[in-house]
């Protein structure tokens, strides 16, 4: 009889360890399997941008690998550099089904005064990738290198019109200014910057701006087709493959600086711990899959995985870094 009881106890323990993460205090019997029902994956931008590509890629890999078996529809909730969606998340504290992607604008929009919210008002789950800025011009532009642009700005900071899809003081603007400062350009405040929402590539091809500052993955197709000429990207090494791998770094051009467009996943404020644990564990598994590896190669992404306290400390450090350049151009709100 004792042997039977011990065997039953062992089986019970094994079953408990193998069972999916459970949420306490919900549903009949006080427990409910998680995740249950469709999840809400959100890109806080329009279709086709870096956030949209990242969250859709995550959803596809999670489905293809079977790591998540419930539906993961992706929707877009654009506006104000991600601040519109960030505000909407505050209306759903403790929700366990919303997963969203953010990057430097999560910090920059507060520093520039566009919102009072930042990374402290969401639940960091894990950073996944590093994308990089790329500076592109139209195919027949007179500028053939990033130093051609920087030298022109040194002579006259009004001589080159810079454009991006983020607002002034946010990522596309700041990533160019960081490079310009490192290249020795003075009077950063005088450099003309124009934002065009989602049409920056069309604006540079049409000659309305001289240089488009954007994310590498967002214009890869136009670089490969020859419609845009890439002058430089902001990693410390060549990335991607094919035409993308041929894009020189700013460091190769003599600019001693880099800019990392980190991208990670976040939940709503006060996301339940059972949901946080599930996503940290699942994303940790996802980034080790062959499907994720191929997605990174395809999109020219570098691995930049962080979770938990490490990710939170990283967010605090980049917050301080961005403050410096915004302060220099007079756009630091606080």
Protein backbone atom coordinates (compact mmCIF):
# COMPACT_ATOMS: atom_id res chain seq x y z
CA UNK A 1 0.00 0.00 0.00
CA UNK A 2 2.83 2.39 0.84
CA UNK A 3 4.39 1.77 -2.58
CA UNK A 4 1.09 2.59 -4.28
CA UNK A 5 0.72 5.83 -2.32
CA UNK A 6 4.30 6.89 -3.15
CA UNK A 7 3.75 6.10 -6.83
CA UNK A 8 0.58 8.17 -6.88
CA UNK A 9 2.39 11.08 -5.23
CA UNK A 10 5.20 10.90 -7.79
CA UNK A 11 2.68 10.91 -10.64
CA UNK A 12 0.90 13.90 -9.12
CA UNK A 13 4.14 15.86 -8.84
CA UNK A 14 5.13 15.03 -12.45
CA UNK A 15 1.72 16.11 -13.69
CA UNK A 16 1.96 19.40 -11.83
CA UNK A 17 5.39 20.14 -13.28
CA UNK A 18 4.25 19.35 -16.80
CA UNK A 19 1.04 21.40 -16.61
CA UNK A 20 0.85 24.83 -18.24
CA UNK A 21 1.11 27.99 -16.15
CA UNK A 22 -2.12 28.58 -14.26
CA UNK A 23 -3.71 31.84 -13.19
CA UNK A 24 -4.96 31.81 -9.63
CA UNK A 25 -8.26 33.29 -8.57
CA UNK A 26 -10.00 33.18 -11.97
CA UNK A 27 -12.70 31.02 -13.43
CA UNK A 28 -14.44 28.02 -11.91
CA UNK A 29 -12.37 26.34 -9.24
CA UNK A 30 -10.14 29.42 -8.92
CA UNK A 31 -7.89 28.41 -11.80
CA UNK A 32 -7.78 28.97 -15.56
CA UNK A 33 -5.23 27.91 -18.11
CA UNK A 34 -3.11 30.67 -19.60
CA UNK A 35 -3.24 31.77 -22.30
CA UNK A 36 -6.90 31.07 -22.95
CA UNK A 37 -8.69 32.66 -25.89
CA UNK A 38 -7.29 35.02 -28.49
CA UNK A 39 -4.42 37.31 -27.54
CA UNK A 40 -4.23 40.95 -28.59
CA UNK A 41 -0.92 41.69 -30.35
CA UNK A 42 -0.51 45.40 -31.06
CA UNK A 43 1.81 47.50 -33.20
CA UNK A 44 1.54 51.09 -31.91
CA UNK A 45 2.09 52.36 -35.46
CA UNK A 46 0.71 52.03 -38.96
CA UNK A 47 1.19 48.98 -41.14
CA UNK A 48 4.56 48.38 -42.75
CA UNK A 49 6.88 49.99 -40.19
CA UNK A 50 9.43 48.43 -37.89
CA UNK A 51 7.03 47.88 -34.99
CA UNK A 52 4.49 46.28 -37.31
CA UNK A 53 7.10 43.99 -38.85
CA UNK A 54 8.45 42.95 -35.46
CA UNK A 55 5.15 42.06 -33.79
CA UNK A 56 3.88 40.21 -36.89
CA UNK A 57 7.12 38.26 -37.12
CA UNK A 58 6.88 37.29 -33.45
CA UNK A 59 3.28 36.12 -33.91
CA UNK A 60 4.23 34.05 -36.95
CA UNK A 61 7.21 32.38 -35.29
CA UNK A 62 5.23 31.60 -32.14
CA UNK A 63 2.51 29.99 -34.28
CA UNK A 64 4.89 28.13 -36.60
CA UNK A 65 6.86 26.68 -33.70
CA UNK A 66 3.76 25.76 -31.70
CA UNK A 67 4.99 27.70 -28.68
CA UNK A 68 1.63 29.48 -28.50
CA UNK A 69 -1.46 27.66 -29.67
CA UNK A 70 -4.16 30.31 -29.22
CA UNK A 71 -4.93 32.92 -31.95
CA UNK A 72 -2.59 35.92 -32.06
CA UNK A 73 -4.23 38.51 -34.35
CA UNK A 74 -2.18 41.67 -34.85
CA UNK A 75 -3.76 45.10 -34.93
CA UNK A 76 -2.37 48.58 -35.45
CA UNK A 77 -3.01 51.42 -33.02
CA UNK A 78 -0.93 54.33 -34.41
CA UNK A 79 -0.50 57.89 -33.25
CA UNK A 80 1.99 60.28 -31.68
CA UNK A 81 5.01 58.02 -31.94
CA UNK A 82 3.34 55.24 -29.98
CA UNK A 83 1.94 57.54 -27.29
CA UNK A 84 -1.69 56.96 -28.33
CA UNK A 85 -1.42 53.23 -27.69
CA UNK A 86 0.62 53.81 -24.54
CA UNK A 87 -2.23 55.92 -23.18
CA UNK A 88 -4.78 53.25 -24.09
CA UNK A 89 -2.79 50.65 -22.15
CA UNK A 90 -3.30 52.71 -18.99
CA UNK A 91 -7.02 52.01 -19.28
CA UNK A 92 -6.39 48.25 -19.05
CA UNK A 93 -4.17 47.69 -16.02
CA UNK A 94 -3.68 44.06 -15.01
CA UNK A 95 -4.86 42.78 -18.41
CA UNK A 96 -3.11 39.54 -19.30
CA UNK A 97 -3.86 39.28 -23.03
CA UNK A 98 -2.26 42.39 -24.55
CA UNK A 99 1.26 42.17 -25.97
CA UNK A 100 2.82 45.18 -27.66
CA UNK A 101 6.16 46.14 -29.15
CA UNK A 102 8.16 49.28 -28.37
CA UNK A 103 11.59 50.73 -29.04
CA UNK A 104 13.36 54.06 -28.28
CA UNK A 105 10.22 56.23 -28.79
CA UNK A 106 8.85 54.64 -25.62
CA UNK A 107 11.41 56.80 -23.83
CA UNK A 108 11.89 59.68 -26.27
CA UNK A 109 8.25 60.76 -26.41
CA UNK A 110 8.22 61.49 -22.69
CA UNK A 111 11.59 63.24 -22.73
CA UNK A 112 10.43 65.52 -25.55
CA UNK A 113 7.13 66.30 -23.83
CA UNK A 114 4.73 64.41 -26.12
CA UNK A 115 3.41 62.33 -23.21
CA UNK A 116 3.83 61.87 -19.48
CA UNK A 117 4.17 58.10 -19.93
CA UNK A 118 7.18 55.88 -20.59
CA UNK A 119 8.62 52.44 -19.81
CA UNK A 120 7.62 52.82 -16.16
CA UNK A 121 3.96 52.67 -17.25
CA UNK A 122 4.10 49.28 -18.95
CA UNK A 123 5.39 45.84 -18.02
CA UNK A 124 8.72 44.99 -19.73
CA UNK A 125 8.78 41.35 -20.83
CA UNK A 126 11.89 40.93 -22.98
CA UNK A 127 13.95 42.80 -25.52
CA UNK A 128 14.32 40.76 -28.67
CA UNK A 129 16.37 42.44 -31.36
CA UNK A 130 18.60 45.27 -32.40
CA UNK A 131 17.72 46.98 -35.65
CA UNK A 132 19.80 49.89 -36.84
CA UNK A 133 19.28 53.28 -38.39
CA UNK A 134 20.10 53.74 -42.04
CA UNK A 135 20.52 57.02 -43.90
CA UNK A 136 19.26 56.88 -47.47
CA UNK A 137 19.05 59.31 -50.36
CA UNK A 138 17.43 59.07 -53.78
CA UNK A 139 19.28 57.00 -56.35
CA UNK A 140 20.69 59.98 -58.27
CA UNK A 141 21.54 62.12 -55.22
CA UNK A 142 24.75 64.12 -55.28
CA UNK A 143 25.57 62.63 -51.88
CA UNK A 144 27.50 59.36 -52.20
CA UNK A 145 28.67 58.89 -48.61
CA UNK A 146 27.56 59.89 -45.15
CA UNK A 147 30.60 62.12 -44.85
CA UNK A 148 29.46 64.04 -47.95
CA UNK A 149 26.37 64.93 -45.94
CA UNK A 150 28.25 65.72 -42.74
CA UNK A 151 30.75 67.95 -44.54
CA UNK A 152 27.90 69.87 -46.16
CA UNK A 153 26.29 70.38 -42.74
CA UNK A 154 29.58 71.60 -41.27
CA UNK A 155 29.68 74.33 -43.90
CA UNK A 156 25.99 75.18 -43.62
CA UNK A 157 23.63 73.36 -41.20
CA UNK A 158 20.70 74.43 -43.39
CA UNK A 159 22.13 72.92 -46.58
CA UNK A 160 20.71 69.40 -46.12
CA UNK A 161 17.06 68.75 -45.32
CA UNK A 162 16.61 65.65 -43.17
CA UNK A 163 13.35 63.73 -42.97
CA UNK A 164 11.92 60.86 -40.95
CA UNK A 165 8.65 59.23 -39.98
CA UNK A 166 8.94 60.06 -36.28
CA UNK A 167 8.29 63.50 -34.84
CA UNK A 168 11.02 66.02 -34.08
CA UNK A 169 12.83 64.93 -30.95
CA UNK A 170 11.97 61.28 -31.48
CA UNK A 171 13.95 58.40 -32.94
CA UNK A 172 14.54 59.19 -36.63
CA UNK A 173 15.57 62.72 -35.69
CA UNK A 174 17.73 61.80 -32.71
CA UNK A 175 19.59 58.93 -34.39
CA UNK A 176 20.79 61.28 -37.13
CA UNK A 177 21.77 64.02 -34.68
CA UNK A 178 23.81 61.58 -32.60
CA UNK A 179 25.81 60.69 -35.72
CA UNK A 180 26.11 64.33 -36.78
CA UNK A 181 27.44 65.34 -33.38
CA UNK A 182 30.00 62.52 -33.44
CA UNK A 183 31.04 63.62 -36.95
CA UNK A 184 31.84 67.11 -35.66
CA UNK A 185 28.77 68.99 -36.92
CA UNK A 186 28.02 72.06 -34.82
CA UNK A 187 24.76 73.96 -34.36
CA UNK A 188 22.64 70.82 -34.29
CA UNK A 189 19.56 72.92 -33.51
CA UNK A 190 19.79 74.56 -36.93
CA UNK A 191 19.56 71.35 -38.93
CA UNK A 192 16.23 71.15 -40.73
CA UNK A 193 14.21 68.06 -39.84
CA UNK A 194 10.77 67.27 -41.24
CA UNK A 195 8.54 64.34 -40.27
CA UNK A 196 6.23 62.76 -42.82
CA UNK A 197 4.31 60.13 -40.84
CA UNK A 198 4.51 57.02 -43.04
CA UNK A 199 5.65 58.53 -46.36
CA UNK A 200 9.30 59.40 -45.75
CA UNK A 201 10.64 57.10 -48.47
CA UNK A 202 8.35 58.69 -51.05
CA UNK A 203 9.43 62.16 -49.92
CA UNK A 204 13.12 61.48 -50.42
CA UNK A 205 12.55 59.77 -53.78
CA UNK A 206 10.46 62.78 -54.82
CA UNK A 207 13.20 65.23 -53.84
CA UNK A 208 11.24 66.92 -51.06
CA UNK A 209 13.96 66.04 -48.57
CA UNK A 210 17.64 65.29 -49.15
CA UNK A 211 18.11 62.43 -46.71
CA UNK A 212 15.72 59.99 -45.05
CA UNK A 213 16.64 58.75 -41.57
CA UNK A 214 14.84 55.49 -40.81
CA UNK A 215 15.15 51.87 -39.71
CA UNK A 216 17.16 49.52 -41.89
CA UNK A 217 14.42 46.90 -42.13
CA UNK A 218 11.87 49.52 -43.20
CA UNK A 219 13.57 50.42 -46.50
CA UNK A 220 15.38 47.21 -47.29
CA UNK A 221 13.22 46.51 -50.35
CA UNK A 222 13.79 49.98 -51.81
CA UNK A 223 17.54 49.64 -51.28
CA UNK A 224 17.56 46.25 -52.97
CA UNK A 225 15.53 47.58 -55.91
CA UNK A 226 17.88 50.54 -56.38
CA UNK A 227 15.20 53.17 -55.73
CA UNK A 228 17.14 54.39 -52.71
CA UNK A 229 20.87 54.69 -52.13
CA UNK A 230 22.06 53.78 -48.63
CA UNK A 231 24.91 55.95 -47.38
CA UNK A 232 25.53 54.31 -44.00
CA UNK A 233 23.98 52.38 -41.13
CA UNK A 234 24.57 52.78 -37.41
CA UNK A 235 25.77 49.38 -36.21
CA UNK A 236 29.40 48.76 -35.28
CA UNK A 237 29.53 45.97 -37.87
CA UNK A 238 28.03 44.99 -41.24
CA UNK A 239 24.62 43.37 -40.87
CA UNK A 240 22.27 41.26 -42.96
CA UNK A 241 23.16 39.76 -46.29
CA UNK A 242 23.25 40.72 -49.95
CA UNK A 243 22.76 44.42 -50.67
CA UNK A 244 22.18 45.16 -46.98
CA UNK A 245 25.54 43.67 -46.02
CA UNK A 246 27.19 46.05 -48.49
CA UNK A 247 26.01 49.14 -46.57
CA UNK A 248 29.00 50.66 -44.74
CA UNK A 249 28.80 51.56 -41.07
CA UNK A 250 29.13 55.12 -39.84
CA UNK A 251 32.21 53.95 -37.96
CA UNK A 252 33.80 52.82 -41.22
CA UNK A 253 33.22 56.33 -42.54
CA UNK A 254 35.12 57.79 -39.58
CA UNK A 255 32.21 58.61 -37.28
CA UNK A 256 33.01 57.11 -33.84
CA UNK A 257 29.44 56.36 -32.78
CA UNK A 258 26.65 53.79 -33.05
CA UNK A 259 22.90 53.84 -32.55
CA UNK A 260 20.92 50.75 -31.62
CA UNK A 261 17.21 50.62 -32.37
CA UNK A 262 16.31 48.07 -29.72
CA UNK A 263 12.89 46.47 -29.91
CA UNK A 264 11.14 44.52 -27.17
CA UNK A 265 7.77 43.29 -26.00
CA UNK A 266 5.71 44.78 -23.19
CA UNK A 267 2.47 44.07 -21.40
CA UNK A 268 0.03 46.53 -19.82
CA UNK A 269 0.82 48.10 -16.45
CA UNK A 270 0.55 45.65 -13.54
CA UNK A 271 0.36 42.65 -15.83
CA UNK A 272 -0.31 39.56 -13.67
CA UNK A 273 2.79 37.64 -12.68
CA UNK A 274 1.54 34.38 -14.16
CA UNK A 275 1.34 36.09 -17.56
CA UNK A 276 4.77 37.71 -17.16
CA UNK A 277 6.29 34.34 -16.25
CA UNK A 278 4.65 32.67 -19.24
CA UNK A 279 5.93 35.26 -21.71
CA UNK A 280 9.46 35.44 -20.32
CA UNK A 281 9.69 31.65 -20.55
CA UNK A 282 8.08 31.45 -24.00
CA UNK A 283 10.12 34.26 -25.56
CA UNK A 284 13.29 32.75 -24.14
CA UNK A 285 12.44 29.57 -26.02
CA UNK A 286 11.39 31.42 -29.18
CA UNK A 287 14.69 33.25 -29.68
CA UNK A 288 16.50 29.91 -29.74
CA UNK A 289 14.44 28.47 -32.61
CA UNK A 290 15.61 28.12 -36.20
CA UNK A 291 12.51 30.00 -37.34
CA UNK A 292 13.53 33.06 -35.32
CA UNK A 293 17.10 32.81 -36.54
CA UNK A 294 15.93 32.89 -40.15
CA UNK A 295 13.62 35.83 -39.44
CA UNK A 296 16.57 37.80 -38.05
CA UNK A 297 18.67 37.07 -41.12
CA UNK A 298 15.84 38.00 -43.47
CA UNK A 299 15.21 41.34 -41.76
CA UNK A 300 18.81 42.26 -40.97
CA UNK A 301 18.20 42.11 -37.21
CA UNK A 302 20.83 41.36 -34.60
CA UNK A 303 20.14 39.35 -31.46
CA UNK A 304 19.69 41.69 -28.49
CA UNK A 305 17.88 39.52 -25.97
CA UNK A 306 17.33 40.79 -22.44
CA UNK A 307 14.73 40.03 -19.81
CA UNK A 308 13.84 40.87 -16.23
CA UNK A 309 16.07 43.17 -14.14
CA UNK A 310 18.69 43.35 -16.93
CA UNK A 311 16.15 44.79 -19.35
CA UNK A 312 14.87 47.30 -16.81
CA UNK A 313 18.40 48.53 -16.07
CA UNK A 314 19.03 48.88 -19.79
CA UNK A 315 15.93 51.05 -20.19
CA UNK A 316 17.09 53.29 -17.35
CA UNK A 317 20.51 53.75 -18.97
CA UNK A 318 19.22 54.64 -22.44
CA UNK A 319 16.82 57.09 -20.81
CA UNK A 320 19.82 58.99 -19.49
CA UNK A 321 21.64 58.78 -22.82
CA UNK A 322 18.75 60.25 -24.81
CA UNK A 323 18.39 63.10 -22.33
CA UNK A 324 21.81 64.43 -23.29
CA UNK A 325 21.14 64.94 -27.01
CA UNK A 326 17.65 66.34 -26.43
CA UNK A 327 19.04 68.80 -23.94
CA UNK A 328 21.63 69.93 -26.49
CA UNK A 329 19.01 70.77 -29.10
CA UNK A 330 16.68 72.41 -26.58
CA UNK A 331 13.95 69.77 -26.78
CA UNK A 332 14.22 68.22 -23.32
CA UNK A 333 10.81 68.75 -21.71
CA UNK A 334 11.94 68.31 -18.11
